[in-house]
N, C-alpha and C. Protein backbone atom coordinates (compact mmCIF):
# COMPACT_ATOMS: atom_id res chain seq x y z
N MET A 1 4.79 -14.55 -35.58
CA MET A 1 5.31 -14.13 -34.30
C MET A 1 4.38 -13.08 -33.70
N SER A 2 3.99 -13.25 -32.45
CA SER A 2 3.07 -12.31 -31.82
C SER A 2 3.82 -11.10 -31.29
N THR A 3 3.11 -9.97 -31.25
CA THR A 3 3.73 -8.77 -30.69
C THR A 3 3.32 -8.65 -29.23
N ARG A 4 4.21 -8.13 -28.47
CA ARG A 4 3.93 -7.94 -27.04
C ARG A 4 3.72 -6.46 -26.79
N GLU A 5 2.73 -6.14 -25.97
CA GLU A 5 2.44 -4.75 -25.64
C GLU A 5 2.58 -4.54 -24.15
N ILE A 6 3.01 -3.36 -23.81
CA ILE A 6 3.08 -2.97 -22.40
C ILE A 6 1.85 -2.14 -22.09
N VAL A 7 1.13 -2.55 -21.08
CA VAL A 7 0.00 -1.75 -20.61
C VAL A 7 0.54 -0.86 -19.50
N VAL A 8 0.55 0.43 -19.75
CA VAL A 8 1.08 1.39 -18.79
C VAL A 8 -0.08 2.02 -18.03
N LEU A 9 0.02 1.95 -16.72
CA LEU A 9 -0.99 2.56 -15.84
C LEU A 9 -0.46 3.92 -15.41
N THR A 10 -1.27 4.95 -15.57
CA THR A 10 -0.80 6.30 -15.23
C THR A 10 -1.58 6.95 -14.10
N ASP A 11 -2.76 6.51 -13.81
CA ASP A 11 -3.57 7.10 -12.74
C ASP A 11 -3.48 6.23 -11.49
N VAL A 12 -2.26 6.03 -11.00
CA VAL A 12 -2.05 5.16 -9.85
C VAL A 12 -1.16 5.84 -8.82
N ALA A 13 -1.26 5.35 -7.58
CA ALA A 13 -0.44 5.85 -6.48
C ALA A 13 0.03 4.66 -5.64
N LEU A 14 1.13 4.84 -4.95
CA LEU A 14 1.68 3.83 -4.06
C LEU A 14 1.40 4.24 -2.62
N ILE A 15 0.70 3.38 -1.89
CA ILE A 15 0.50 3.60 -0.46
C ILE A 15 1.52 2.72 0.26
N THR A 16 2.32 3.33 1.13
CA THR A 16 3.32 2.60 1.91
C THR A 16 3.02 2.81 3.38
N ALA A 17 3.08 1.73 4.14
CA ALA A 17 2.88 1.81 5.59
C ALA A 17 3.98 1.01 6.28
N SER A 18 4.61 1.62 7.25
CA SER A 18 5.59 0.94 8.10
C SER A 18 4.90 0.75 9.45
N VAL A 19 4.66 -0.52 9.81
CA VAL A 19 3.81 -0.81 10.98
C VAL A 19 4.49 -1.81 11.92
N GLN A 20 3.92 -1.93 13.11
CA GLN A 20 4.43 -2.88 14.09
C GLN A 20 4.32 -4.30 13.53
N ARG A 21 5.29 -5.12 13.85
CA ARG A 21 5.29 -6.51 13.38
C ARG A 21 4.02 -7.21 13.86
N GLY A 22 3.39 -7.94 12.94
CA GLY A 22 2.17 -8.66 13.26
C GLY A 22 0.90 -7.93 12.85
N MET A 23 1.02 -6.69 12.39
CA MET A 23 -0.16 -5.89 12.03
C MET A 23 -0.47 -5.93 10.53
N ALA A 24 0.46 -6.34 9.71
CA ALA A 24 0.31 -6.21 8.25
C ALA A 24 -0.90 -6.97 7.70
N ASP A 25 -1.12 -8.19 8.16
CA ASP A 25 -2.23 -8.97 7.59
C ASP A 25 -3.58 -8.29 7.80
N GLU A 26 -3.79 -7.75 8.97
CA GLU A 26 -5.05 -7.07 9.27
C GLU A 26 -5.20 -5.79 8.42
N ILE A 27 -4.12 -5.08 8.24
CA ILE A 27 -4.15 -3.84 7.46
C ILE A 27 -4.39 -4.15 5.99
N VAL A 28 -3.72 -5.17 5.46
CA VAL A 28 -3.91 -5.55 4.06
C VAL A 28 -5.34 -6.03 3.83
N GLN A 29 -5.90 -6.77 4.76
CA GLN A 29 -7.28 -7.22 4.63
C GLN A 29 -8.23 -6.02 4.54
N ALA A 30 -8.01 -5.01 5.37
CA ALA A 30 -8.84 -3.80 5.33
C ALA A 30 -8.68 -3.09 3.99
N ALA A 31 -7.45 -3.04 3.47
CA ALA A 31 -7.20 -2.40 2.17
C ALA A 31 -7.92 -3.14 1.05
N GLN A 32 -7.90 -4.47 1.10
CA GLN A 32 -8.58 -5.25 0.07
C GLN A 32 -10.09 -5.09 0.16
N GLU A 33 -10.63 -5.01 1.36
CA GLU A 33 -12.06 -4.77 1.52
C GLU A 33 -12.46 -3.40 0.97
N ALA A 34 -11.50 -2.46 0.95
CA ALA A 34 -11.75 -1.12 0.43
C ALA A 34 -11.49 -1.03 -1.08
N GLY A 35 -11.04 -2.13 -1.69
CA GLY A 35 -10.87 -2.14 -3.14
C GLY A 35 -9.48 -2.41 -3.66
N ALA A 36 -8.47 -2.46 -2.80
CA ALA A 36 -7.11 -2.76 -3.26
C ALA A 36 -7.05 -4.20 -3.76
N GLN A 37 -6.24 -4.44 -4.77
CA GLN A 37 -6.14 -5.77 -5.36
C GLN A 37 -5.17 -6.69 -4.63
N GLY A 38 -4.15 -6.14 -4.03
CA GLY A 38 -3.14 -6.97 -3.37
C GLY A 38 -2.10 -6.09 -2.73
N ALA A 39 -1.09 -6.71 -2.15
CA ALA A 39 -0.06 -5.95 -1.45
C ALA A 39 1.24 -6.73 -1.43
N SER A 40 2.32 -5.99 -1.25
CA SER A 40 3.63 -6.58 -0.97
C SER A 40 3.97 -6.24 0.47
N ILE A 41 4.48 -7.22 1.19
CA ILE A 41 4.87 -7.01 2.58
C ILE A 41 6.31 -7.47 2.72
N HIS A 42 7.13 -6.65 3.34
CA HIS A 42 8.49 -7.08 3.67
C HIS A 42 8.84 -6.59 5.07
N TYR A 43 9.89 -7.12 5.59
CA TYR A 43 10.29 -6.83 6.96
C TYR A 43 11.44 -5.84 6.98
N ALA A 44 11.43 -4.99 8.00
CA ALA A 44 12.47 -3.98 8.15
C ALA A 44 12.81 -3.83 9.62
N HIS A 45 13.89 -3.16 9.86
CA HIS A 45 14.32 -2.88 11.23
C HIS A 45 14.30 -1.37 11.42
N GLY A 46 13.52 -0.88 12.40
CA GLY A 46 13.41 0.55 12.62
C GLY A 46 14.40 1.05 13.66
N ARG A 47 14.61 2.34 13.64
CA ARG A 47 15.47 3.02 14.61
C ARG A 47 14.71 4.22 15.14
N GLY A 48 14.90 4.54 16.40
CA GLY A 48 14.25 5.71 16.95
C GLY A 48 14.06 5.59 18.44
N VAL A 49 13.14 6.38 18.98
CA VAL A 49 12.91 6.44 20.41
C VAL A 49 12.51 5.09 20.99
N ARG A 50 11.66 4.35 20.29
CA ARG A 50 11.13 3.09 20.84
C ARG A 50 12.22 2.06 21.12
N GLU A 51 13.32 2.11 20.40
CA GLU A 51 14.36 1.10 20.61
C GLU A 51 15.09 1.28 21.94
N ARG A 52 14.94 2.43 22.58
CA ARG A 52 15.61 2.69 23.85
C ARG A 52 14.67 2.53 25.05
N LEU A 53 13.51 1.92 24.84
CA LEU A 53 12.51 1.83 25.90
C LEU A 53 12.55 0.52 26.68
N GLY A 54 13.51 -0.32 26.42
CA GLY A 54 13.57 -1.63 27.08
C GLY A 54 13.95 -1.52 28.55
N ILE A 55 14.02 -2.65 29.22
CA ILE A 55 14.39 -2.71 30.63
C ILE A 55 15.78 -2.11 30.81
N TRP A 56 15.93 -1.25 31.79
CA TRP A 56 17.19 -0.58 32.11
C TRP A 56 17.77 0.21 30.93
N GLY A 57 16.89 0.64 30.05
CA GLY A 57 17.35 1.47 28.93
C GLY A 57 18.05 0.70 27.83
N LEU A 58 17.99 -0.62 27.88
CA LEU A 58 18.61 -1.42 26.82
C LEU A 58 17.76 -1.37 25.57
N ALA A 59 18.37 -1.62 24.45
CA ALA A 59 17.65 -1.54 23.18
C ALA A 59 16.58 -2.61 23.07
N VAL A 60 15.45 -2.24 22.50
CA VAL A 60 14.35 -3.15 22.20
C VAL A 60 14.34 -3.35 20.69
N GLU A 61 14.16 -4.58 20.26
CA GLU A 61 14.09 -4.84 18.82
C GLU A 61 12.92 -4.07 18.22
N ALA A 62 13.18 -3.40 17.13
CA ALA A 62 12.17 -2.58 16.48
C ALA A 62 11.83 -3.17 15.12
N GLU A 63 11.39 -4.42 15.12
CA GLU A 63 11.02 -5.08 13.87
C GLU A 63 9.75 -4.44 13.32
N LYS A 64 9.75 -4.18 12.03
CA LYS A 64 8.62 -3.55 11.35
C LYS A 64 8.20 -4.40 10.17
N GLU A 65 6.94 -4.23 9.79
CA GLU A 65 6.44 -4.76 8.53
C GLU A 65 6.16 -3.56 7.64
N VAL A 66 6.62 -3.63 6.40
CA VAL A 66 6.40 -2.55 5.46
C VAL A 66 5.46 -3.07 4.38
N ILE A 67 4.35 -2.34 4.21
CA ILE A 67 3.31 -2.73 3.25
C ILE A 67 3.36 -1.76 2.07
N ASN A 68 3.36 -2.30 0.86
CA ASN A 68 3.26 -1.49 -0.36
C ASN A 68 2.03 -1.93 -1.13
N ILE A 69 1.19 -0.97 -1.45
CA ILE A 69 -0.03 -1.25 -2.22
C ILE A 69 -0.17 -0.19 -3.31
N VAL A 70 -0.34 -0.64 -4.55
CA VAL A 70 -0.59 0.26 -5.66
C VAL A 70 -2.10 0.27 -5.91
N VAL A 71 -2.67 1.47 -5.93
CA VAL A 71 -4.11 1.62 -6.16
C VAL A 71 -4.32 2.73 -7.18
N SER A 72 -5.52 2.75 -7.78
CA SER A 72 -5.87 3.84 -8.68
C SER A 72 -6.04 5.11 -7.87
N THR A 73 -5.85 6.24 -8.52
CA THR A 73 -6.00 7.51 -7.81
C THR A 73 -7.43 7.70 -7.31
N ASP A 74 -8.39 7.05 -7.94
CA ASP A 74 -9.78 7.10 -7.47
C ASP A 74 -9.95 6.38 -6.13
N GLN A 75 -9.13 5.40 -5.85
CA GLN A 75 -9.25 4.58 -4.64
C GLN A 75 -8.36 5.04 -3.49
N VAL A 76 -7.38 5.87 -3.76
CA VAL A 76 -6.32 6.12 -2.80
C VAL A 76 -6.83 6.64 -1.45
N ASP A 77 -7.75 7.58 -1.43
CA ASP A 77 -8.23 8.13 -0.16
C ASP A 77 -8.97 7.09 0.66
N ARG A 78 -9.84 6.32 0.01
CA ARG A 78 -10.63 5.30 0.71
C ARG A 78 -9.72 4.20 1.29
N VAL A 79 -8.79 3.70 0.48
CA VAL A 79 -7.90 2.63 0.93
C VAL A 79 -6.97 3.14 2.04
N PHE A 80 -6.44 4.35 1.86
CA PHE A 80 -5.55 4.94 2.87
C PHE A 80 -6.26 5.05 4.21
N GLU A 81 -7.49 5.54 4.20
CA GLU A 81 -8.26 5.69 5.44
C GLU A 81 -8.51 4.35 6.13
N LYS A 82 -8.89 3.34 5.36
CA LYS A 82 -9.16 2.02 5.94
C LYS A 82 -7.88 1.41 6.52
N MET A 83 -6.75 1.60 5.84
CA MET A 83 -5.48 1.09 6.36
C MET A 83 -5.10 1.81 7.65
N TYR A 84 -5.29 3.11 7.68
CA TYR A 84 -4.98 3.92 8.86
C TYR A 84 -5.77 3.43 10.07
N LEU A 85 -7.06 3.23 9.87
CA LEU A 85 -7.92 2.79 10.97
C LEU A 85 -7.58 1.36 11.41
N ALA A 86 -7.36 0.46 10.45
CA ALA A 86 -7.04 -0.94 10.79
C ALA A 86 -5.70 -1.03 11.51
N GLY A 87 -4.76 -0.15 11.16
CA GLY A 87 -3.43 -0.16 11.78
C GLY A 87 -3.34 0.62 13.07
N LYS A 88 -4.48 1.20 13.47
CA LYS A 88 -4.52 1.99 14.72
C LYS A 88 -3.43 3.08 14.70
N MET A 89 -3.30 3.72 13.55
CA MET A 89 -2.25 4.73 13.37
C MET A 89 -2.48 5.98 14.22
N ASP A 90 -3.67 6.11 14.82
CA ASP A 90 -3.92 7.23 15.70
C ASP A 90 -3.40 6.97 17.11
N THR A 91 -2.68 5.86 17.29
CA THR A 91 -2.05 5.50 18.56
C THR A 91 -0.54 5.72 18.42
N PRO A 92 0.08 6.42 19.36
CA PRO A 92 1.54 6.66 19.26
C PRO A 92 2.33 5.36 19.12
N GLY A 93 3.29 5.37 18.21
CA GLY A 93 4.20 4.24 18.03
C GLY A 93 3.67 3.11 17.16
N MET A 94 2.47 3.25 16.60
CA MET A 94 1.92 2.15 15.80
C MET A 94 2.43 2.12 14.37
N GLY A 95 2.92 3.24 13.88
CA GLY A 95 3.45 3.21 12.53
C GLY A 95 3.34 4.53 11.82
N PHE A 96 3.67 4.49 10.53
CA PHE A 96 3.69 5.69 9.70
C PHE A 96 3.27 5.29 8.30
N MET A 97 2.45 6.12 7.65
CA MET A 97 1.98 5.82 6.29
C MET A 97 2.20 7.03 5.40
N TRP A 98 2.34 6.76 4.10
CA TRP A 98 2.43 7.85 3.14
C TRP A 98 1.99 7.38 1.77
N VAL A 99 1.66 8.34 0.92
CA VAL A 99 1.23 8.07 -0.45
C VAL A 99 2.23 8.73 -1.40
N THR A 100 2.64 7.98 -2.41
CA THR A 100 3.55 8.48 -3.43
C THR A 100 2.86 8.39 -4.79
N PRO A 101 2.66 9.53 -5.47
CA PRO A 101 2.09 9.47 -6.82
C PRO A 101 3.08 8.75 -7.75
N LEU A 102 2.58 7.90 -8.61
CA LEU A 102 3.44 7.18 -9.55
C LEU A 102 3.27 7.76 -10.94
N GLU A 103 4.38 8.03 -11.59
CA GLU A 103 4.30 8.55 -12.95
C GLU A 103 3.72 7.51 -13.90
N LYS A 104 4.20 6.27 -13.75
CA LYS A 104 3.64 5.17 -14.53
C LYS A 104 4.01 3.85 -13.87
N ALA A 105 3.19 2.85 -14.12
CA ALA A 105 3.42 1.51 -13.60
C ALA A 105 2.99 0.52 -14.68
N ALA A 106 3.49 -0.71 -14.60
CA ALA A 106 3.13 -1.71 -15.60
C ALA A 106 3.06 -3.08 -14.95
N THR A 107 2.08 -3.84 -15.38
CA THR A 107 1.91 -5.22 -14.97
C THR A 107 0.95 -5.87 -15.96
N PHE A 108 0.70 -7.15 -15.80
CA PHE A 108 -0.28 -7.81 -16.66
C PHE A 108 -1.67 -7.31 -16.28
N VAL A 109 -2.42 -6.90 -17.28
CA VAL A 109 -3.81 -6.51 -17.08
C VAL A 109 -4.64 -7.36 -18.02
N PRO A 110 -5.61 -8.12 -17.50
CA PRO A 110 -6.43 -8.98 -18.37
C PRO A 110 -7.13 -8.17 -19.45
N PRO A 111 -7.26 -8.73 -20.65
CA PRO A 111 -7.87 -8.01 -21.78
C PRO A 111 -9.26 -7.44 -21.47
N GLU A 112 -10.06 -8.17 -20.70
CA GLU A 112 -11.41 -7.67 -20.40
C GLU A 112 -11.38 -6.41 -19.53
N ILE A 113 -10.37 -6.30 -18.69
CA ILE A 113 -10.21 -5.10 -17.86
C ILE A 113 -9.77 -3.92 -18.74
N ILE A 114 -8.85 -4.17 -19.66
CA ILE A 114 -8.39 -3.12 -20.58
C ILE A 114 -9.57 -2.60 -21.39
N GLU A 115 -10.37 -3.53 -21.88
CA GLU A 115 -11.54 -3.13 -22.68
C GLU A 115 -12.50 -2.28 -21.85
N ARG A 116 -12.76 -2.70 -20.61
CA ARG A 116 -13.67 -1.95 -19.74
C ARG A 116 -13.12 -0.55 -19.45
N LEU A 117 -11.81 -0.46 -19.17
CA LEU A 117 -11.21 0.84 -18.90
C LEU A 117 -11.24 1.75 -20.13
N THR A 118 -11.01 1.17 -21.29
CA THR A 118 -11.03 1.94 -22.53
C THR A 118 -12.43 2.49 -22.79
N ARG A 119 -13.45 1.66 -22.57
CA ARG A 119 -14.83 2.12 -22.74
C ARG A 119 -15.16 3.22 -21.74
N HIS A 120 -14.72 3.03 -20.48
CA HIS A 120 -14.99 4.01 -19.43
C HIS A 120 -14.38 5.36 -19.75
N LYS A 121 -13.14 5.38 -20.24
CA LYS A 121 -12.49 6.64 -20.60
C LYS A 121 -13.20 7.30 -21.78
N GLY A 122 -13.70 6.51 -22.69
CA GLY A 122 -14.44 7.04 -23.83
C GLY A 122 -15.72 7.73 -23.41
N HIS A 123 -16.37 7.24 -22.35
CA HIS A 123 -17.60 7.85 -21.87
C HIS A 123 -17.36 9.15 -21.11
N ARG A 124 -16.17 9.34 -20.57
CA ARG A 124 -15.88 10.54 -19.77
C ARG A 124 -15.61 11.76 -20.65
N ARG A 125 -15.34 11.54 -21.90
CA ARG A 125 -14.99 12.68 -22.78
C ARG A 125 -16.19 13.48 -23.16
């Protein structure tokens, strides 16, 4: 019987962006070009000033796309910046982003990646 091991990642952070509907694909592409491996995207409904901007003050649908990307702490600044620029976050009403440090995360990591990371940590000591 084989034993199963959990590979726990500890030097990771979660980048979350809540953006205008239709912007997620472009932002995720920029994140991947900056080194992110992938992303989760889901839809949300926002509330705030923008929902009252419709004709005659009627509510406007505030559909949002929420992007979650887990990256290494070494990558977080670069990926965050690329996502910010791709999402035009310097424009009012385009969205909001934040980074959450993660205590630990787990997923399948190919053995060759584990070996490379183990060697890399050994060289830093």
